[in-house]
Amino acid sequence: MAAKNYYQVLGVEKSASQQEIKKAYKKLARKYHPDVNPNDPQAETRFKEINEAYQVLGKAENRKKYDQLGEHWQQAGAYEKARQSAGSGGQYQHQQYRSGGGPEEADFAEFFESVFGQGGASSGSRYGFGGQQARFRGEDVQAELTLPLTEVMHSQKRTLSINGKNVRITVPAGVTDGQRIRLKGFGQPGSNGGPNGDLYVRFNIENNTAFKRDKANLYRTVKLDLYTAVLGGEIILDTLDGQVKLSIKPGTQNNSQVKLKGKGFPKYKQDEVKGDLYVTYHVQIPTKLSERELELFAQLRDMS
């Protein structure tokens, strides 16, 4: 089976920037997401391929290994360790393996075939390992999960497709944009019985609300008409927990702020413990007044 070209999977050139790769991934992930195509098994397969490609090209370190070693990029660490062992006096007669593109990639393929392919356990003696193959830890895997802000108000379960396998994770309440969590042992399998690598999940939280978020606190600006600001009254405010009634004091000034305790966002991993909501009033000055209204405002001015 021919090795996958991850650049082709994402539809980008090999010279594409990391930002271009990320943009292409987000566009394709939205298009082929299983929730968008519930009855299309081909879309699910395509979605898994897209995630697999981004796990490699989305991180500069993995991309560098892939550009150098192609389909063998996951064994870059094993190759380097074996090469160093050979160069430090092992029994293996080291060949001149080279990096780069073109026909030289065959050298890497030959090397990995000899180490991990047909040689079996006996091949370890060729490298000075006392007849046993070296055990290497598996590579770490990087994944990204994009969620709207309203979906991280409570802890929830999500399934990620990692290298064709479904991994079910818990998304903690209150997770922040750009935050990463580590899942030990969910990365690439180790070589020759070595331990698995880890899975690192980075969260992209998209704010789909009218609120500005700062950790567990929320901020919102509310328009207030001049008459309510001057005379006082009540307004109904939508929060992420439902509606609340706010009492407006007479003489409320423009840009004044009130705090609603416990009406903010959940704190990290604490579904029921929330920050505060800060509401800033923006008093609106009427621009289209009738002659009668202008006369009344003039009388008020003279009285003051």
C-alpha atoms as a PDB file:
ATOM      1  CA  MET A   1       0.000   0.000   0.000  1.00  0.00           C
ATOM      2  CA  ALA A   2       1.376   3.379  -0.976  1.00  0.00           C
ATOM      3  CA  ALA A   3       2.249   5.727   1.862  1.00  0.00           C
ATOM      4  CA  LYS A   4      -0.134   8.628   2.415  1.00  0.00           C
ATOM      5  CA  ASN A   5       0.940  12.080   1.349  1.00  0.00           C
ATOM      6  CA  TYR A   6      -0.288  14.232   4.205  1.00  0.00           C
ATOM      7  CA  TYR A   7       0.172  17.426   2.210  1.00  0.00           C
ATOM      8  CA  GLN A   8      -2.205  16.077  -0.431  1.00  0.00           C
ATOM      9  CA  VAL A   9      -4.670  14.993   2.261  1.00  0.00           C
ATOM     10  CA  LEU A  10      -4.895  18.595   3.503  1.00  0.00           C
ATOM     11  CA  GLY A  11      -4.709  20.046   0.006  1.00  0.00           C
ATOM     12  CA  VAL A  12      -1.652  22.237   0.645  1.00  0.00           C
ATOM     13  CA  GLU A  13       1.770  22.608  -0.904  1.00  0.00           C
ATOM     14  CA  LYS A  14       4.848  21.259   0.851  1.00  0.00           C
ATOM     15  CA  SER A  15       6.013  24.878   1.214  1.00  0.00           C
ATOM     16  CA  ALA A  16       2.822  25.897   3.063  1.00  0.00           C
ATOM     17  CA  SER A  17       3.201  27.807   6.339  1.00  0.00           C
ATOM     18  CA  GLN A  18       1.967  26.373   9.646  1.00  0.00           C
ATOM     19  CA  GLN A  19      -0.858  28.924   9.581  1.00  0.00           C
ATOM     20  CA  GLU A  20      -1.921  27.788   6.100  1.00  0.00           C
ATOM     21  CA  ILE A  21      -1.875  24.163   7.237  1.00  0.00           C
ATOM     22  CA  LYS A  22      -4.008  24.988  10.270  1.00  0.00           C
ATOM     23  CA  LYS A  23      -6.479  26.950   8.132  1.00  0.00           C
ATOM     24  CA  ALA A  24      -6.795  24.087   5.629  1.00  0.00           C
ATOM     25  CA  TYR A  25      -7.311  21.583   8.447  1.00  0.00           C
ATOM     26  CA  LYS A  26     -10.095  23.612  10.095  1.00  0.00           C
ATOM     27  CA  LYS A  27     -11.895  24.049   6.771  1.00  0.00           C
ATOM     28  CA  LEU A  28     -11.782  20.340   5.925  1.00  0.00           C
ATOM     29  CA  ALA A  29     -12.583  19.207   9.484  1.00  0.00           C
ATOM     30  CA  ARG A  30     -15.775  21.260   9.485  1.00  0.00           C
ATOM     31  CA  LYS A  31     -16.739  19.945   6.050  1.00  0.00           C
ATOM     32  CA  TYR A  32     -16.243  16.249   6.819  1.00  0.00           C
ATOM     33  CA  HIS A  33     -17.109  16.156  10.538  1.00  0.00           C
ATOM     34  CA  PRO A  34     -19.282  13.085  11.348  1.00  0.00           C
ATOM     35  CA  ASP A  35     -21.861  15.318  13.058  1.00  0.00           C
ATOM     36  CA  VAL A  36     -22.316  17.186   9.778  1.00  0.00           C
ATOM     37  CA  ASN A  37     -22.412  13.985   7.705  1.00  0.00           C
ATOM     38  CA  PRO A  38     -24.135  11.446   9.994  1.00  0.00           C
ATOM     39  CA  ASN A  39     -25.077   9.035   7.177  1.00  0.00           C
ATOM     40  CA  ASP A  40     -21.911   9.221   5.103  1.00  0.00           C
ATOM     41  CA  PRO A  41     -19.253   6.632   6.093  1.00  0.00           C
ATOM     42  CA  GLN A  42     -16.892   8.046   3.450  1.00  0.00           C
ATOM     43  CA  ALA A  43     -17.002  11.434   5.186  1.00  0.00           C
ATOM     44  CA  GLU A  44     -16.030   9.771   8.482  1.00  0.00           C
ATOM     45  CA  THR A  45     -13.094   8.043   6.780  1.00  0.00           C
ATOM     46  CA  ARG A  46     -12.030  11.321   5.209  1.00  0.00           C
ATOM     47  CA  PHE A  47     -12.349  13.055   8.591  1.00  0.00           C
ATOM     48  CA  LYS A  48     -10.015  10.497  10.185  1.00  0.00           C
ATOM     49  CA  GLU A  49      -7.467  11.002   7.383  1.00  0.00           C
ATOM     50  CA  ILE A  50      -7.614  14.776   7.853  1.00  0.00           C
ATOM     51  CA  ASN A  51      -7.006  14.463  11.606  1.00  0.00           C
ATOM     52  CA  GLU A  52      -4.167  12.029  11.049  1.00  0.00           C
ATOM     53  CA  ALA A  53      -2.513  14.389   8.568  1.00  0.00           C
ATOM     54  CA  TYR A  54      -2.860  17.368  10.891  1.00  0.00           C
ATOM     55  CA  GLN A  55      -1.389  15.490  13.841  1.00  0.00           C
ATOM     56  CA  VAL A  56       1.769  15.197  11.760  1.00  0.00           C
ATOM     57  CA  LEU A  57       1.911  18.475   9.816  1.00  0.00           C
ATOM     58  CA  GLY A  58       0.279  20.633  12.482  1.00  0.00           C
ATOM     59  CA  LYS A  59       3.322  20.460  14.742  1.00  0.00           C
ATOM     60  CA  ALA A  60       6.578  21.789  13.356  1.00  0.00           C
ATOM     61  CA  GLU A  61       8.650  19.087  15.074  1.00  0.00           C
ATOM     62  CA  ASN A  62       6.593  16.220  13.608  1.00  0.00           C
ATOM     63  CA  ARG A  63       6.450  17.926  10.233  1.00  0.00           C
ATOM     64  CA  LYS A  64      10.238  18.158  10.114  1.00  0.00           C
ATOM     65  CA  LYS A  65      10.535  14.413  10.791  1.00  0.00           C
ATOM     66  CA  TYR A  66       7.916  13.670   8.149  1.00  0.00           C
ATOM     67  CA  ASP A  67       9.652  15.839   5.547  1.00  0.00           C
ATOM     68  CA  GLN A  68      12.880  14.004   6.273  1.00  0.00           C
ATOM     69  CA  LEU A  69      11.713  10.407   6.701  1.00  0.00           C
ATOM     70  CA  GLY A  70       8.293  10.254   5.046  1.00  0.00           C
ATOM     71  CA  GLU A  71       6.179   7.325   6.225  1.00  0.00           C
ATOM     72  CA  HIS A  72       8.888   6.350   8.756  1.00  0.00           C
ATOM     73  CA  TRP A  73       8.666   9.691  10.627  1.00  0.00           C
ATOM     74  CA  GLN A  74       7.302   8.067  13.816  1.00  0.00           C
ATOM     75  CA  GLN A  75      10.507   6.079  14.216  1.00  0.00           C
ATOM     76  CA  ALA A  76      12.798   9.102  13.966  1.00  0.00           C
ATOM     77  CA  GLY A  77      13.831   8.718  17.600  1.00  0.00           C
ATOM     78  CA  ALA A  78      14.524   5.018  17.180  1.00  0.00           C
ATOM     79  CA  TYR A  79      16.607   5.681  14.087  1.00  0.00           C
ATOM     80  CA  GLU A  80      18.704   8.325  15.833  1.00  0.00           C
ATOM     81  CA  LYS A  81      19.319   6.183  18.928  1.00  0.00           C
ATOM     82  CA  ALA A  82      20.288   3.160  16.858  1.00  0.00           C
ATOM     83  CA  ARG A  83      22.551   5.289  14.685  1.00  0.00           C
ATOM     84  CA  GLN A  84      24.279   6.770  17.741  1.00  0.00           C
ATOM     85  CA  SER A  85      24.690   3.314  19.272  1.00  0.00           C
ATOM     86  CA  ALA A  86      26.253   2.071  16.067  1.00  0.00           C
ATOM     87  CA  GLY A  87      28.629   5.009  15.986  1.00  0.00           C
ATOM     88  CA  SER A  88      29.765   4.442  19.592  1.00  0.00           C
ATOM     89  CA  GLY A  89      31.451   1.089  19.010  1.00  0.00           C
ATOM     90  CA  GLY A  90      28.619  -1.412  18.409  1.00  0.00           C
ATOM     91  CA  GLN A  91      29.087  -4.408  16.161  1.00  0.00           C
ATOM     92  CA  TYR A  92      26.916  -2.941  13.419  1.00  0.00           C
ATOM     93  CA  GLN A  93      28.848  -1.882  10.349  1.00  0.00           C
ATOM     94  CA  HIS A  94      27.297   1.583   9.920  1.00  0.00           C
ATOM     95  CA  GLN A  95      26.331   2.587   6.405  1.00  0.00           C
ATOM     96  CA  GLN A  96      26.132   6.183   5.223  1.00  0.00           C
ATOM     97  CA  TYR A  97      22.461   6.951   5.614  1.00  0.00           C
ATOM     98  CA  ARG A  98      21.596  10.409   4.459  1.00  0.00           C
ATOM     99  CA  SER A  99      18.678  12.801   4.965  1.00  0.00           C
ATOM    100  CA  GLY A 100      16.940  14.780   2.321  1.00  0.00           C
ATOM    101  CA  GLY A 101      14.651  14.143  -0.612  1.00  0.00           C
ATOM    102  CA  GLY A 102      14.834  12.209  -3.832  1.00  0.00           C
ATOM    103  CA  PRO A 103      16.493   8.769  -4.151  1.00  0.00           C
ATOM    104  CA  GLU A 104      18.300   9.120  -0.838  1.00  0.00           C
ATOM    105  CA  GLU A 105      15.012   8.309   0.920  1.00  0.00           C
ATOM    106  CA  ALA A 106      15.641   4.675  -0.102  1.00  0.00           C
ATOM    107  CA  ASP A 107      18.535   4.623   2.381  1.00  0.00           C
ATOM    108  CA  PHE A 108      16.101   5.349   5.236  1.00  0.00           C
ATOM    109  CA  ALA A 109      13.677   2.713   4.005  1.00  0.00           C
ATOM    110  CA  GLU A 110      16.489   0.139   3.907  1.00  0.00           C
ATOM    111  CA  PHE A 111      17.598   1.107   7.393  1.00  0.00           C
ATOM    112  CA  PHE A 112      14.153   0.802   8.959  1.00  0.00           C
ATOM    113  CA  GLU A 113      13.464  -2.461   7.178  1.00  0.00           C
ATOM    114  CA  SER A 114      16.644  -3.920   8.624  1.00  0.00           C
ATOM    115  CA  VAL A 115      15.827  -2.710  12.166  1.00  0.00           C
ATOM    116  CA  PHE A 116      12.079  -3.183  12.424  1.00  0.00           C
ATOM    117  CA  GLY A 117      11.142  -5.350   9.474  1.00  0.00           C
ATOM    118  CA  GLN A 118      12.471  -8.744   8.509  1.00  0.00           C
ATOM    119  CA  GLY A 119      15.376  -9.087  10.964  1.00  0.00           C
ATOM    120  CA  GLY A 120      13.321 -10.086  14.020  1.00  0.00           C
ATOM    121  CA  ALA A 121      14.893 -10.338  17.477  1.00  0.00           C
ATOM    122  CA  SER A 122      18.141 -11.710  16.039  1.00  0.00           C
ATOM    123  CA  SER A 123      18.786  -8.429  14.240  1.00  0.00           C
ATOM    124  CA  GLY A 124      19.560  -6.844  17.622  1.00  0.00           C
ATOM    125  CA  SER A 125      22.961  -8.533  17.696  1.00  0.00           C
ATOM    126  CA  ARG A 126      23.914  -6.696  14.503  1.00  0.00           C
ATOM    127  CA  TYR A 127      23.621  -3.442  16.466  1.00  0.00           C
ATOM    128  CA  GLY A 128      25.529  -4.549  19.564  1.00  0.00           C
ATOM    129  CA  PHE A 129      22.411  -5.020  21.721  1.00  0.00           C
ATOM    130  CA  GLY A 130      23.423  -8.462  23.045  1.00  0.00           C
ATOM    131  CA  GLY A 131      20.996 -10.337  20.828  1.00  0.00           C
ATOM    132  CA  GLN A 132      17.941  -8.281  21.891  1.00  0.00           C
ATOM    133  CA  GLN A 133      16.317  -5.364  20.115  1.00  0.00           C
ATOM    134  CA  ALA A 134      16.300  -2.068  21.944  1.00  0.00           C
ATOM    135  CA  ARG A 135      13.007  -0.898  23.458  1.00  0.00           C
ATOM    136  CA  PHE A 136      11.957   2.608  22.483  1.00  0.00           C
ATOM    137  CA  ARG A 137       9.167   4.776  23.820  1.00  0.00           C
ATOM    138  CA  GLY A 138       6.457   5.627  21.297  1.00  0.00           C
ATOM    139  CA  GLU A 139       6.137   9.130  19.850  1.00  0.00           C
ATOM    140  CA  ASP A 140       3.769  11.631  21.470  1.00  0.00           C
ATOM    141  CA  VAL A 141       0.674  12.565  19.485  1.00  0.00           C
ATOM    142  CA  GLN A 142      -0.681  16.091  19.175  1.00  0.00           C
ATOM    143  CA  ALA A 143      -4.379  16.674  18.567  1.00  0.00           C
ATOM    144  CA  GLU A 144      -6.680  19.687  18.493  1.00  0.00           C
ATOM    145  CA  LEU A 145     -10.314  19.961  19.483  1.00  0.00           C
ATOM    146  CA  THR A 146     -12.417  22.977  18.544  1.00  0.00           C
ATOM    147  CA  LEU A 147     -15.488  23.679  20.685  1.00  0.00           C
ATOM    148  CA  PRO A 148     -17.874  26.624  21.162  1.00  0.00           C
ATOM    149  CA  LEU A 149     -17.678  28.388  24.504  1.00  0.00           C
ATOM    150  CA  THR A 150     -21.136  27.240  25.577  1.00  0.00           C
ATOM    151  CA  GLU A 151     -20.081  23.576  25.309  1.00  0.00           C
ATOM    152  CA  VAL A 152     -17.353  23.858  27.948  1.00  0.00           C
ATOM    153  CA  MET A 153     -19.657  25.173  30.667  1.00  0.00           C
ATOM    154  CA  HIS A 154     -19.918  21.585  31.908  1.00  0.00           C
ATOM    155  CA  SER A 155     -17.606  18.574  31.804  1.00  0.00           C
ATOM    156  CA  GLN A 156     -18.429  16.260  28.927  1.00  0.00           C
ATOM    157  CA  LYS A 157     -17.177  13.253  26.989  1.00  0.00           C
ATOM    158  CA  ARG A 158     -15.769  13.592  23.468  1.00  0.00           C
ATOM    159  CA  THR A 159     -14.377  11.049  21.023  1.00  0.00           C
ATOM    160  CA  LEU A 160     -11.233  11.814  19.028  1.00  0.00           C
ATOM    161  CA  SER A 161      -9.968   9.876  16.037  1.00  0.00           C
ATOM    162  CA  ILE A 162      -6.257   9.203  16.615  1.00  0.00           C
ATOM    163  CA  ASN A 163      -4.481   7.252  13.879  1.00  0.00           C
ATOM    164  CA  GLY A 164      -7.676   5.481  12.928  1.00  0.00           C
ATOM    165  CA  LYS A 165      -8.619   4.652  16.516  1.00  0.00           C
ATOM    166  CA  ASN A 166     -11.330   6.300  18.599  1.00  0.00           C
ATOM    167  CA  VAL A 167     -10.131   7.736  21.903  1.00  0.00           C
ATOM    168  CA  ARG A 168     -12.782   8.910  24.375  1.00  0.00           C
ATOM    169  CA  ILE A 169     -11.678  11.815  26.546  1.00  0.00           C
ATOM    170  CA  THR A 170     -13.245  14.000  29.215  1.00  0.00           C
ATOM    171  CA  VAL A 171     -13.383  17.696  28.354  1.00  0.00           C
ATOM    172  CA  PRO A 172     -13.145  19.497  31.724  1.00  0.00           C
ATOM    173  CA  ALA A 173     -15.544  22.320  32.487  1.00  0.00           C
ATOM    174  CA  GLY A 174     -13.936  25.750  32.225  1.00  0.00           C
ATOM    175  CA  VAL A 175     -11.138  24.733  29.853  1.00  0.00           C
ATOM    176  CA  THR A 176      -9.604  27.810  28.220  1.00  0.00           C
ATOM    177  CA  ASP A 177      -8.656  28.628  24.650  1.00  0.00           C
ATOM    178  CA  GLY A 178      -5.193  27.296  23.827  1.00  0.00           C
ATOM    179  CA  GLN A 179      -5.029  25.055  26.903  1.00  0.00           C
ATOM    180  CA  ARG A 180      -3.460  21.592  26.522  1.00  0.00           C
ATOM    181  CA  ILE A 181      -4.146  18.442  28.498  1.00  0.00           C
ATOM    182  CA  ARG A 182      -1.986  15.288  28.568  1.00  0.00           C
ATOM    183  CA  LEU A 183      -3.354  11.773  28.347  1.00  0.00           C
ATOM    184  CA  LYS A 184      -0.610   9.368  29.364  1.00  0.00           C
ATOM    185  CA  GLY A 185      -0.106   6.307  27.192  1.00  0.00           C
ATOM    186  CA  PHE A 186      -2.532   7.298  24.422  1.00  0.00           C
ATOM    187  CA  GLY A 187       0.194   8.197  21.906  1.00  0.00           C
ATOM    188  CA  GLN A 188       2.033   6.027  19.399  1.00  0.00           C
ATOM    189  CA  PRO A 189       2.878   2.472  20.522  1.00  0.00           C
ATOM    190  CA  GLY A 190       6.442   1.841  21.617  1.00  0.00           C
ATOM    191  CA  SER A 191       8.914  -0.269  19.664  1.00  0.00           C
ATOM    192  CA  ASN A 192       9.839  -3.786  20.766  1.00  0.00           C
ATOM    193  CA  GLY A 193       7.706  -3.610  23.899  1.00  0.00           C
ATOM    194  CA  GLY A 194       8.601  -0.057  24.846  1.00  0.00           C
ATOM    195  CA  PRO A 195       5.984   2.185  26.536  1.00  0.00           C
ATOM    196  CA  ASN A 196       3.420   4.128  24.533  1.00  0.00           C
ATOM    197  CA  GLY A 197       3.828   7.841  23.976  1.00  0.00           C
ATOM    198  CA  ASP A 198       1.348  10.376  25.319  1.00  0.00           C
ATOM    199  CA  LEU A 199      -1.544  12.211  23.715  1.00  0.00           C
ATOM    200  CA  TYR A 200      -1.618  15.995  24.027  1.00  0.00           C
ATOM    201  CA  VAL A 201      -4.944  17.656  23.233  1.00  0.00           C
ATOM    202  CA  ARG A 202      -5.000  21.397  22.530  1.00  0.00           C
ATOM    203  CA  PHE A 203      -8.364  23.153  22.850  1.00  0.00           C
ATOM    204  CA  ASN A 204      -9.554  25.865  20.503  1.00  0.00           C
ATOM    205  CA  ILE A 205     -12.489  27.551  22.241  1.00  0.00           C
ATOM    206  CA  GLU A 206     -14.583  29.730  19.948  1.00  0.00           C
ATOM    207  CA  ASN A 207     -16.652  32.389  21.706  1.00  0.00           C
ATOM    208  CA  ASN A 208     -20.175  32.087  20.345  1.00  0.00           C
ATOM    209  CA  THR A 209     -21.702  34.440  22.940  1.00  0.00           C
ATOM    210  CA  ALA A 210     -22.109  38.158  23.569  1.00  0.00           C
ATOM    211  CA  PHE A 211     -19.798  37.901  26.575  1.00  0.00           C
ATOM    212  CA  LYS A 212     -16.089  38.534  26.860  1.00  0.00           C
ATOM    213  CA  ARG A 213     -14.350  35.887  28.931  1.00  0.00           C
ATOM    214  CA  ASP A 214     -11.373  36.231  31.253  1.00  0.00           C
ATOM    215  CA  LYS A 215     -10.813  32.811  32.869  1.00  0.00           C
ATOM    216  CA  ALA A 216     -13.899  32.348  35.069  1.00  0.00           C
ATOM    217  CA  ASN A 217     -15.196  35.922  34.824  1.00  0.00           C
ATOM    218  CA  LEU A 218     -17.519  37.207  32.111  1.00  0.00           C
ATOM    219  CA  TYR A 219     -17.979  40.766  30.873  1.00  0.00           C
ATOM    220  CA  ARG A 220     -20.801  42.327  28.903  1.00  0.00           C
ATOM    221  CA  THR A 221     -21.834  45.808  27.825  1.00  0.00           C
ATOM    222  CA  VAL A 222     -25.556  46.607  27.960  1.00  0.00           C
ATOM    223  CA  LYS A 223     -27.275  49.508  26.219  1.00  0.00           C
ATOM    224  CA  LEU A 224     -29.340  51.669  28.532  1.00  0.00           C
ATOM    225  CA  ASP A 225     -31.758  54.326  27.328  1.00  0.00           C
ATOM    226  CA  LEU A 226     -31.362  57.818  28.712  1.00  0.00           C
ATOM    227  CA  TYR A 227     -34.696  57.894  30.503  1.00  0.00           C
ATOM    228  CA  THR A 228     -34.060  54.651  32.435  1.00  0.00           C
ATOM    229  CA  ALA A 229     -30.557  55.876  33.309  1.00  0.00           C
ATOM    230  CA  VAL A 230     -31.974  59.148  34.658  1.00  0.00           C
ATOM    231  CA  LEU A 231     -35.154  57.911  36.321  1.00  0.00           C
ATOM    232  CA  GLY A 232     -34.145  54.336  37.202  1.00  0.00           C
ATOM    233  CA  GLY A 233     -36.064  51.166  36.456  1.00  0.00           C
ATOM    234  CA  GLU A 234     -35.572  47.510  35.616  1.00  0.00           C
ATOM    235  CA  ILE A 235     -34.165  45.577  32.679  1.00  0.00           C
ATOM    236  CA  ILE A 236     -34.028  41.866  31.812  1.00  0.00           C
ATOM    237  CA  LEU A 237     -30.549  40.525  31.047  1.00  0.00           C
ATOM    238  CA  ASP A 238     -29.701  37.256  29.321  1.00  0.00           C
ATOM    239  CA  THR A 239     -26.864  35.341  30.981  1.00  0.00           C
ATOM    240  CA  LEU A 240     -25.384  31.928  30.177  1.00  0.00           C
ATOM    241  CA  ASP A 241     -27.533  30.561  33.021  1.00  0.00           C
ATOM    242  CA  GLY A 242     -30.792  32.157  31.919  1.00  0.00           C
ATOM    243  CA  GLN A 243     -32.387  35.558  32.439  1.00  0.00           C
ATOM    244  CA  VAL A 244     -31.940  37.846  35.444  1.00  0.00           C
ATOM    245  CA  LYS A 245     -33.718  41.073  36.401  1.00  0.00           C
ATOM    246  CA  LEU A 246     -31.489  44.066  37.070  1.00  0.00           C
ATOM    247  CA  SER A 247     -32.575  47.106  39.057  1.00  0.00           C
ATOM    248  CA  ILE A 248     -31.261  50.354  37.591  1.00  0.00           C
ATOM    249  CA  LYS A 249     -30.595  53.118  40.094  1.00  0.00           C
ATOM    250  CA  PRO A 250     -31.744  56.662  39.229  1.00  0.00           C
ATOM    251  CA  GLY A 251     -28.874  58.724  37.867  1.00  0.00           C
ATOM    252  CA  THR A 252     -26.899  55.761  36.528  1.00  0.00           C
ATOM    253  CA  GLN A 253     -23.834  57.103  34.732  1.00  0.00           C
ATOM    254  CA  ASN A 254     -22.451  56.025  31.368  1.00  0.00           C
ATOM    255  CA  ASN A 255     -19.822  53.240  31.648  1.00  0.00           C
ATOM    256  CA  SER A 256     -20.801  52.447  35.237  1.00  0.00           C
ATOM    257  CA  GLN A 257     -20.383  48.784  36.141  1.00  0.00           C
ATOM    258  CA  VAL A 258     -22.187  46.272  38.352  1.00  0.00           C
ATOM    259  CA  LYS A 259     -21.049  42.813  39.438  1.00  0.00           C
ATOM    260  CA  LEU A 260     -23.331  39.781  39.458  1.00  0.00           C
ATOM    261  CA  LYS A 261     -21.650  37.336  41.806  1.00  0.00           C
ATOM    262  CA  GLY A 262     -21.578  33.714  40.700  1.00  0.00           C
ATOM    263  CA  LYS A 263     -23.063  34.449  37.272  1.00  0.00           C
ATOM    264  CA  GLY A 264     -19.791  34.017  35.385  1.00  0.00           C
ATOM    265  CA  PHE A 265     -18.110  30.968  33.842  1.00  0.00           C
ATOM    266  CA  PRO A 266     -17.278  27.702  35.623  1.00  0.00           C
ATOM    267  CA  LYS A 267     -13.794  27.467  37.078  1.00  0.00           C
ATOM    268  CA  TYR A 268     -11.513  24.812  35.621  1.00  0.00           C
ATOM    269  CA  LYS A 269     -12.728  21.311  36.515  1.00  0.00           C
ATOM    270  CA  GLN A 270     -15.373  22.787  38.864  1.00  0.00           C
ATOM    271  CA  ASP A 271     -18.750  22.628  37.128  1.00  0.00           C
ATOM    272  CA  GLU A 272     -20.680  24.259  39.954  1.00  0.00           C
ATOM    273  CA  VAL A 273     -18.120  26.873  41.053  1.00  0.00           C
ATOM    274  CA  LYS A 274     -18.406  29.977  38.906  1.00  0.00           C
ATOM    275  CA  GLY A 275     -16.778  33.346  38.575  1.00  0.00           C
ATOM    276  CA  ASP A 276     -18.615  36.659  38.345  1.00  0.00           C
ATOM    277  CA  LEU A 277     -20.408  38.561  35.595  1.00  0.00           C
ATOM    278  CA  TYR A 278     -19.530  42.240  35.160  1.00  0.00           C
ATOM    279  CA  VAL A 279     -22.117  44.378  33.373  1.00  0.00           C
ATOM    280  CA  THR A 280     -21.146  47.787  31.986  1.00  0.00           C
ATOM    281  CA  TYR A 281     -23.921  50.258  31.114  1.00  0.00           C
ATOM    282  CA  HIS A 282     -23.682  52.214  27.894  1.00  0.00           C
ATOM    283  CA  VAL A 283     -26.147  55.091  28.150  1.00  0.00           C
ATOM    284  CA  GLN A 284     -27.637  55.996  24.779  1.00  0.00           C
ATOM    285  CA  ILE A 285     -28.272  59.668  24.043  1.00  0.00           C
ATOM    286  CA  PRO A 286     -31.359  60.213  21.851  1.00  0.00           C
ATOM    287  CA  THR A 287     -30.512  61.745  18.468  1.00  0.00           C
ATOM    288  CA  LYS A 288     -33.962  62.355  16.950  1.00  0.00           C
ATOM    289  CA  LEU A 289     -36.093  64.533  19.222  1.00  0.00           C
ATOM    290  CA  SER A 290     -39.372  66.240  18.405  1.00  0.00           C
ATOM    291  CA  GLU A 291     -39.752  69.975  18.936  1.00  0.00           C
ATOM    292  CA  ARG A 292     -41.782  69.308  22.078  1.00  0.00           C
ATOM    293  CA  GLU A 293     -39.039  67.026  23.473  1.00  0.00           C
ATOM    294  CA  LEU A 294     -36.425  69.671  22.740  1.00  0.00           C
ATOM    295  CA  GLU A 295     -38.534  72.262  24.585  1.00  0.00           C
ATOM    296  CA  LEU A 296     -38.807  69.982  27.612  1.00  0.00           C
ATOM    297  CA  PHE A 297     -35.057  69.340  27.659  1.00  0.00           C
ATOM    298  CA  ALA A 298     -34.494  73.108  27.435  1.00  0.00           C
ATOM    299  CA  GLN A 299     -36.803  73.637  30.407  1.00  0.00           C
ATOM    300  CA  LEU A 300     -34.900  70.991  32.376  1.00  0.00           C
ATOM    301  CA  ARG A 301     -31.635  72.728  31.523  1.00  0.00           C
ATOM    302  CA  ASP A 302     -32.990  76.094  32.687  1.00  0.00           C
ATOM    303  CA  MET A 303     -34.286  74.570  35.897  1.00  0.00           C
ATOM    304  CA  SER A 304     -30.901  73.106  36.704  1.00  0.00           C
END
